[in-house]
N, C-alpha and C. Protein backbone atom coordinates (compact mmCIF):
# COMPACT_ATOMS: atom_id res chain seq x y z
N MET A 1 0.84 -1.17 0.00
CA MET A 1 0.00 0.00 0.00
C MET A 1 0.89 1.24 0.00
N ASN A 2 0.54 2.23 -0.80
CA ASN A 2 1.28 3.47 -0.90
C ASN A 2 0.33 4.60 -0.52
N LYS A 3 0.34 5.00 0.76
CA LYS A 3 -0.57 6.03 1.26
C LYS A 3 0.21 6.99 2.14
N VAL A 4 0.04 8.29 1.89
CA VAL A 4 0.74 9.33 2.64
C VAL A 4 -0.30 10.27 3.23
N LEU A 5 -0.12 10.67 4.48
CA LEU A 5 -0.97 11.67 5.12
C LEU A 5 -0.05 12.67 5.81
N LEU A 6 -0.15 13.94 5.41
CA LEU A 6 0.72 14.99 5.94
C LEU A 6 -0.12 16.16 6.42
N VAL A 7 0.34 16.82 7.48
CA VAL A 7 -0.24 18.07 7.94
C VAL A 7 0.90 19.06 8.04
N GLY A 8 0.75 20.20 7.37
CA GLY A 8 1.81 21.19 7.39
C GLY A 8 1.34 22.53 6.85
N ARG A 9 2.27 23.45 6.78
CA ARG A 9 1.97 24.81 6.29
C ARG A 9 2.59 25.03 4.92
N LEU A 10 1.84 25.74 4.10
CA LEU A 10 2.28 26.05 2.74
C LEU A 10 3.46 27.02 2.79
N VAL A 11 4.53 26.69 2.08
CA VAL A 11 5.76 27.49 2.10
C VAL A 11 5.62 28.76 1.28
N LYS A 12 4.89 28.71 0.16
CA LYS A 12 4.62 29.91 -0.66
C LYS A 12 3.31 29.71 -1.40
N ASP A 13 2.81 30.77 -2.00
CA ASP A 13 1.55 30.69 -2.74
C ASP A 13 1.71 29.72 -3.92
N PRO A 14 0.74 28.82 -4.11
CA PRO A 14 0.81 27.89 -5.25
C PRO A 14 0.45 28.59 -6.55
N GLU A 15 0.90 28.02 -7.66
CA GLU A 15 0.58 28.55 -8.99
C GLU A 15 -0.03 27.44 -9.82
N LEU A 16 -1.01 27.81 -10.65
CA LEU A 16 -1.68 26.86 -11.53
C LEU A 16 -0.94 26.81 -12.86
N LYS A 17 -0.66 25.61 -13.34
CA LYS A 17 0.02 25.42 -14.63
C LYS A 17 -0.88 24.58 -15.53
N HIS A 18 -0.89 24.92 -16.81
CA HIS A 18 -1.67 24.16 -17.79
C HIS A 18 -0.69 23.33 -18.62
N ILE A 19 -0.94 22.03 -18.69
CA ILE A 19 -0.09 21.11 -19.45
C ILE A 19 -0.67 20.96 -20.85
N GLU A 20 0.04 21.48 -21.83
CA GLU A 20 -0.45 21.46 -23.22
C GLU A 20 -0.63 20.05 -23.74
N SER A 21 0.27 19.14 -23.39
CA SER A 21 0.26 17.80 -23.98
C SER A 21 -0.98 16.99 -23.59
N ASN A 22 -1.54 17.24 -22.39
CA ASN A 22 -2.73 16.47 -21.99
C ASN A 22 -3.93 17.34 -21.62
N GLY A 23 -3.77 18.65 -21.70
CA GLY A 23 -4.88 19.56 -21.43
C GLY A 23 -5.30 19.67 -19.97
N ARG A 24 -4.49 19.16 -19.06
CA ARG A 24 -4.83 19.17 -17.64
C ARG A 24 -4.10 20.28 -16.90
N GLU A 25 -4.68 20.68 -15.75
CA GLU A 25 -4.02 21.64 -14.88
C GLU A 25 -3.32 20.91 -13.75
N LEU A 26 -2.23 21.52 -13.29
CA LEU A 26 -1.54 20.99 -12.12
C LEU A 26 -1.00 22.14 -11.30
N SER A 27 -0.72 21.84 -10.05
CA SER A 27 -0.07 22.79 -9.17
C SER A 27 0.97 22.04 -8.36
N ASN A 28 2.18 22.58 -8.34
CA ASN A 28 3.27 22.06 -7.50
C ASN A 28 3.47 23.04 -6.36
N PHE A 29 3.62 22.53 -5.16
CA PHE A 29 3.91 23.39 -4.02
C PHE A 29 4.63 22.57 -2.96
N THR A 30 5.13 23.25 -1.95
CA THR A 30 5.86 22.59 -0.87
C THR A 30 5.17 22.93 0.45
N ILE A 31 5.08 21.92 1.32
CA ILE A 31 4.57 22.18 2.67
C ILE A 31 5.66 21.85 3.69
N ALA A 32 5.68 22.65 4.75
CA ALA A 32 6.61 22.43 5.86
C ALA A 32 5.87 21.60 6.91
N VAL A 33 6.41 20.42 7.20
CA VAL A 33 5.79 19.49 8.14
C VAL A 33 6.68 19.38 9.38
N ASN A 34 6.16 19.81 10.53
CA ASN A 34 6.93 19.73 11.77
C ASN A 34 7.18 18.29 12.17
N ARG A 35 8.37 18.03 12.66
CA ARG A 35 8.69 16.70 13.18
C ARG A 35 8.09 16.55 14.57
N ASN A 36 7.95 15.31 15.04
CA ASN A 36 7.31 15.04 16.33
C ASN A 36 8.26 15.16 17.51
N PHE A 37 9.47 15.60 17.28
CA PHE A 37 10.46 15.69 18.35
C PHE A 37 11.26 16.98 18.19
N VAL A 38 12.01 17.33 19.22
CA VAL A 38 12.87 18.51 19.17
C VAL A 38 14.32 18.06 19.06
N ASN A 39 15.15 18.94 18.51
CA ASN A 39 16.58 18.61 18.37
C ASN A 39 17.31 18.89 19.69
N ALA A 40 18.63 18.75 19.68
CA ALA A 40 19.44 18.92 20.89
C ALA A 40 19.33 20.33 21.47
N LYS A 41 18.99 21.32 20.62
CA LYS A 41 18.84 22.70 21.08
C LYS A 41 17.43 22.98 21.59
N GLY A 42 16.56 21.96 21.56
CA GLY A 42 15.19 22.15 22.01
C GLY A 42 14.27 22.76 20.97
N GLU A 43 14.74 22.79 19.72
CA GLU A 43 13.95 23.37 18.63
C GLU A 43 13.26 22.27 17.82
N ARG A 44 12.08 22.59 17.35
CA ARG A 44 11.34 21.65 16.50
C ARG A 44 11.76 21.90 15.05
N GLU A 45 12.22 20.85 14.39
CA GLU A 45 12.63 20.96 12.99
C GLU A 45 11.46 20.59 12.08
N ALA A 46 11.60 20.92 10.80
CA ALA A 46 10.54 20.62 9.83
C ALA A 46 11.14 19.96 8.60
N ASP A 47 10.33 19.15 7.95
CA ASP A 47 10.68 18.60 6.65
C ASP A 47 9.89 19.38 5.61
N PHE A 48 10.53 19.67 4.48
CA PHE A 48 9.88 20.40 3.40
C PHE A 48 9.56 19.41 2.29
N VAL A 49 8.26 19.15 2.12
CA VAL A 49 7.79 18.07 1.26
C VAL A 49 7.15 18.63 0.00
N PRO A 50 7.68 18.26 -1.19
CA PRO A 50 7.06 18.69 -2.44
C PRO A 50 5.78 17.90 -2.71
N VAL A 51 4.76 18.63 -3.19
CA VAL A 51 3.45 18.05 -3.46
C VAL A 51 3.01 18.48 -4.86
N VAL A 52 2.33 17.59 -5.57
CA VAL A 52 1.70 17.93 -6.85
C VAL A 52 0.24 17.50 -6.78
N VAL A 53 -0.65 18.36 -7.26
CA VAL A 53 -2.08 18.04 -7.35
C VAL A 53 -2.54 18.36 -8.77
N TRP A 54 -3.57 17.65 -9.23
CA TRP A 54 -4.05 17.75 -10.60
C TRP A 54 -5.51 18.16 -10.66
N GLY A 55 -5.92 18.68 -11.82
CA GLY A 55 -7.33 18.92 -12.13
C GLY A 55 -8.02 19.90 -11.20
N LYS A 56 -9.25 19.56 -10.80
CA LYS A 56 -10.05 20.43 -9.93
C LYS A 56 -9.35 20.71 -8.61
N THR A 57 -8.66 19.71 -8.09
CA THR A 57 -7.93 19.91 -6.83
C THR A 57 -6.88 21.00 -7.00
N ALA A 58 -6.18 21.01 -8.13
CA ALA A 58 -5.18 22.04 -8.40
C ALA A 58 -5.84 23.42 -8.46
N GLU A 59 -6.99 23.51 -9.12
CA GLU A 59 -7.71 24.79 -9.20
C GLU A 59 -8.13 25.29 -7.82
N LEU A 60 -8.69 24.39 -7.01
CA LEU A 60 -9.12 24.78 -5.66
C LEU A 60 -7.95 25.23 -4.80
N VAL A 61 -6.86 24.49 -4.87
CA VAL A 61 -5.66 24.84 -4.11
C VAL A 61 -5.19 26.24 -4.48
N CYS A 62 -5.12 26.53 -5.76
CA CYS A 62 -4.62 27.83 -6.21
C CYS A 62 -5.59 28.97 -5.88
N ASN A 63 -6.88 28.68 -5.87
CA ASN A 63 -7.86 29.71 -5.57
C ASN A 63 -7.96 30.04 -4.08
N TYR A 64 -7.70 29.07 -3.22
CA TYR A 64 -7.97 29.27 -1.80
C TYR A 64 -6.77 29.15 -0.87
N MET A 65 -5.66 28.62 -1.34
CA MET A 65 -4.49 28.45 -0.47
C MET A 65 -3.49 29.58 -0.65
N LYS A 66 -2.97 30.05 0.45
CA LYS A 66 -1.93 31.07 0.44
C LYS A 66 -0.81 30.63 1.38
N LYS A 67 0.33 31.25 1.21
CA LYS A 67 1.49 30.97 2.06
C LYS A 67 1.08 31.00 3.53
N GLY A 68 1.52 29.98 4.28
CA GLY A 68 1.26 29.93 5.71
C GLY A 68 0.01 29.17 6.12
N ARG A 69 -0.87 28.84 5.16
CA ARG A 69 -2.10 28.10 5.50
C ARG A 69 -1.76 26.70 6.00
N LEU A 70 -2.47 26.26 7.03
CA LEU A 70 -2.32 24.91 7.56
C LEU A 70 -3.24 23.99 6.78
N ILE A 71 -2.66 22.94 6.18
CA ILE A 71 -3.44 22.03 5.35
C ILE A 71 -3.09 20.58 5.66
N SER A 72 -3.99 19.71 5.26
CA SER A 72 -3.76 18.27 5.33
C SER A 72 -3.78 17.74 3.90
N ILE A 73 -2.81 16.91 3.57
CA ILE A 73 -2.72 16.30 2.24
C ILE A 73 -2.76 14.79 2.42
N SER A 74 -3.63 14.12 1.70
CA SER A 74 -3.55 12.66 1.63
C SER A 74 -3.34 12.30 0.17
N GLY A 75 -2.51 11.30 -0.04
CA GLY A 75 -2.18 10.91 -1.40
C GLY A 75 -1.21 9.75 -1.40
N ARG A 76 -0.34 9.76 -2.41
CA ARG A 76 0.63 8.67 -2.54
C ARG A 76 2.01 9.24 -2.82
N LEU A 77 3.03 8.49 -2.45
CA LEU A 77 4.41 8.87 -2.72
C LEU A 77 4.76 8.45 -4.14
N GLN A 78 5.38 9.36 -4.88
CA GLN A 78 5.77 9.07 -6.26
C GLN A 78 7.25 9.39 -6.44
N ILE A 79 7.96 8.47 -7.05
CA ILE A 79 9.36 8.70 -7.41
C ILE A 79 9.43 8.56 -8.92
N ARG A 80 9.86 9.65 -9.58
CA ARG A 80 9.91 9.64 -11.04
C ARG A 80 11.25 10.19 -11.49
N SER A 81 11.54 9.98 -12.75
CA SER A 81 12.80 10.49 -13.31
C SER A 81 12.51 11.21 -14.62
N TYR A 82 13.42 12.09 -14.97
CA TYR A 82 13.34 12.79 -16.25
C TYR A 82 14.76 13.12 -16.70
N GLU A 83 14.88 13.47 -17.96
CA GLU A 83 16.19 13.81 -18.51
C GLU A 83 16.27 15.31 -18.75
N THR A 84 17.36 15.93 -18.29
CA THR A 84 17.56 17.36 -18.48
C THR A 84 17.97 17.65 -19.92
N LYS A 85 17.99 18.92 -20.27
CA LYS A 85 18.42 19.32 -21.62
C LYS A 85 19.85 18.88 -21.90
N GLU A 86 20.65 18.78 -20.83
CA GLU A 86 22.05 18.37 -20.96
C GLU A 86 22.19 16.85 -21.05
N GLY A 87 21.08 16.12 -20.93
CA GLY A 87 21.13 14.67 -21.03
C GLY A 87 21.34 13.94 -19.71
N ASN A 88 21.29 14.68 -18.60
CA ASN A 88 21.46 14.05 -17.28
C ASN A 88 20.12 13.55 -16.76
N LYS A 89 20.15 12.41 -16.09
CA LYS A 89 18.93 11.85 -15.51
C LYS A 89 18.75 12.40 -14.10
N LYS A 90 17.58 12.95 -13.82
CA LYS A 90 17.25 13.50 -12.50
C LYS A 90 16.09 12.71 -11.91
N TYR A 91 16.11 12.56 -10.59
CA TYR A 91 15.04 11.86 -9.89
C TYR A 91 14.29 12.84 -8.99
N VAL A 92 13.00 12.67 -8.92
CA VAL A 92 12.14 13.52 -8.11
C VAL A 92 11.29 12.64 -7.20
N THR A 93 11.27 12.97 -5.92
CA THR A 93 10.38 12.30 -4.97
C THR A 93 9.36 13.35 -4.53
N GLU A 94 8.07 13.03 -4.68
CA GLU A 94 7.02 13.98 -4.35
C GLU A 94 5.77 13.23 -3.90
N VAL A 95 4.88 13.96 -3.26
CA VAL A 95 3.58 13.42 -2.89
C VAL A 95 2.57 13.85 -3.94
N VAL A 96 1.84 12.89 -4.50
CA VAL A 96 0.74 13.21 -5.40
C VAL A 96 -0.50 13.32 -4.53
N GLY A 97 -0.98 14.55 -4.36
CA GLY A 97 -2.11 14.80 -3.48
C GLY A 97 -3.43 14.39 -4.12
N GLU A 98 -4.20 13.61 -3.40
CA GLU A 98 -5.52 13.20 -3.88
C GLU A 98 -6.63 13.94 -3.15
N GLU A 99 -6.37 14.32 -1.89
CA GLU A 99 -7.35 15.08 -1.11
C GLU A 99 -6.61 16.14 -0.31
N VAL A 100 -7.12 17.37 -0.36
CA VAL A 100 -6.54 18.48 0.37
C VAL A 100 -7.62 19.06 1.29
N LEU A 101 -7.28 19.20 2.56
CA LEU A 101 -8.20 19.80 3.52
C LEU A 101 -7.57 21.05 4.10
N PHE A 102 -8.36 22.11 4.23
CA PHE A 102 -7.91 23.35 4.83
C PHE A 102 -8.18 23.26 6.33
N LEU A 103 -7.15 23.38 7.15
CA LEU A 103 -7.29 23.15 8.58
C LEU A 103 -7.38 24.42 9.41
N ASP A 104 -7.11 25.57 8.81
CA ASP A 104 -7.26 26.82 9.55
C ASP A 104 -8.26 27.71 8.82
N SER A 105 -8.69 28.74 9.48
CA SER A 105 -9.69 29.63 8.92
C SER A 105 -9.05 30.57 7.92
N LYS A 106 -9.75 30.82 6.81
CA LYS A 106 -9.26 31.76 5.81
C LYS A 106 -9.16 33.16 6.39
N LYS A 107 -9.97 33.46 7.41
CA LYS A 107 -9.99 34.79 8.01
C LYS A 107 -8.72 35.09 8.78
N GLU A 108 -8.01 34.04 9.23
CA GLU A 108 -6.78 34.24 9.98
C GLU A 108 -5.70 34.80 9.06
N ASP A 109 -4.92 35.74 9.56
CA ASP A 109 -3.82 36.30 8.79
C ASP A 109 -2.58 35.49 9.10
N VAL A 110 -2.28 34.48 8.26
CA VAL A 110 -1.16 33.59 8.52
C VAL A 110 0.06 33.92 7.68
N GLY A 111 -0.08 34.79 6.71
CA GLY A 111 1.01 35.07 5.79
C GLY A 111 1.82 36.18 6.29
């Protein structure tokens, strides 16, 4: 089973992109997810997790999410590769979001 559930804050405002080859919309963004423990200095560290969402979910995310919003993402982990213009193979690990929930009020000034 490949299932991911994350709760974190949006690092920056998401942008909607249109993919010409398949006519679909997507949005890539990163969320900061706090770890469950503190480091030796007593500080809580965070992991910065790249997320991609497609279609209506991408549109909703771009219309309603702003930097600093607390969200929940459920989806799957994806590891893919692509070739750069220089011919180098690059690997990307990201979460493909299937469901996005807004966990804080839009009225709050979090940005």
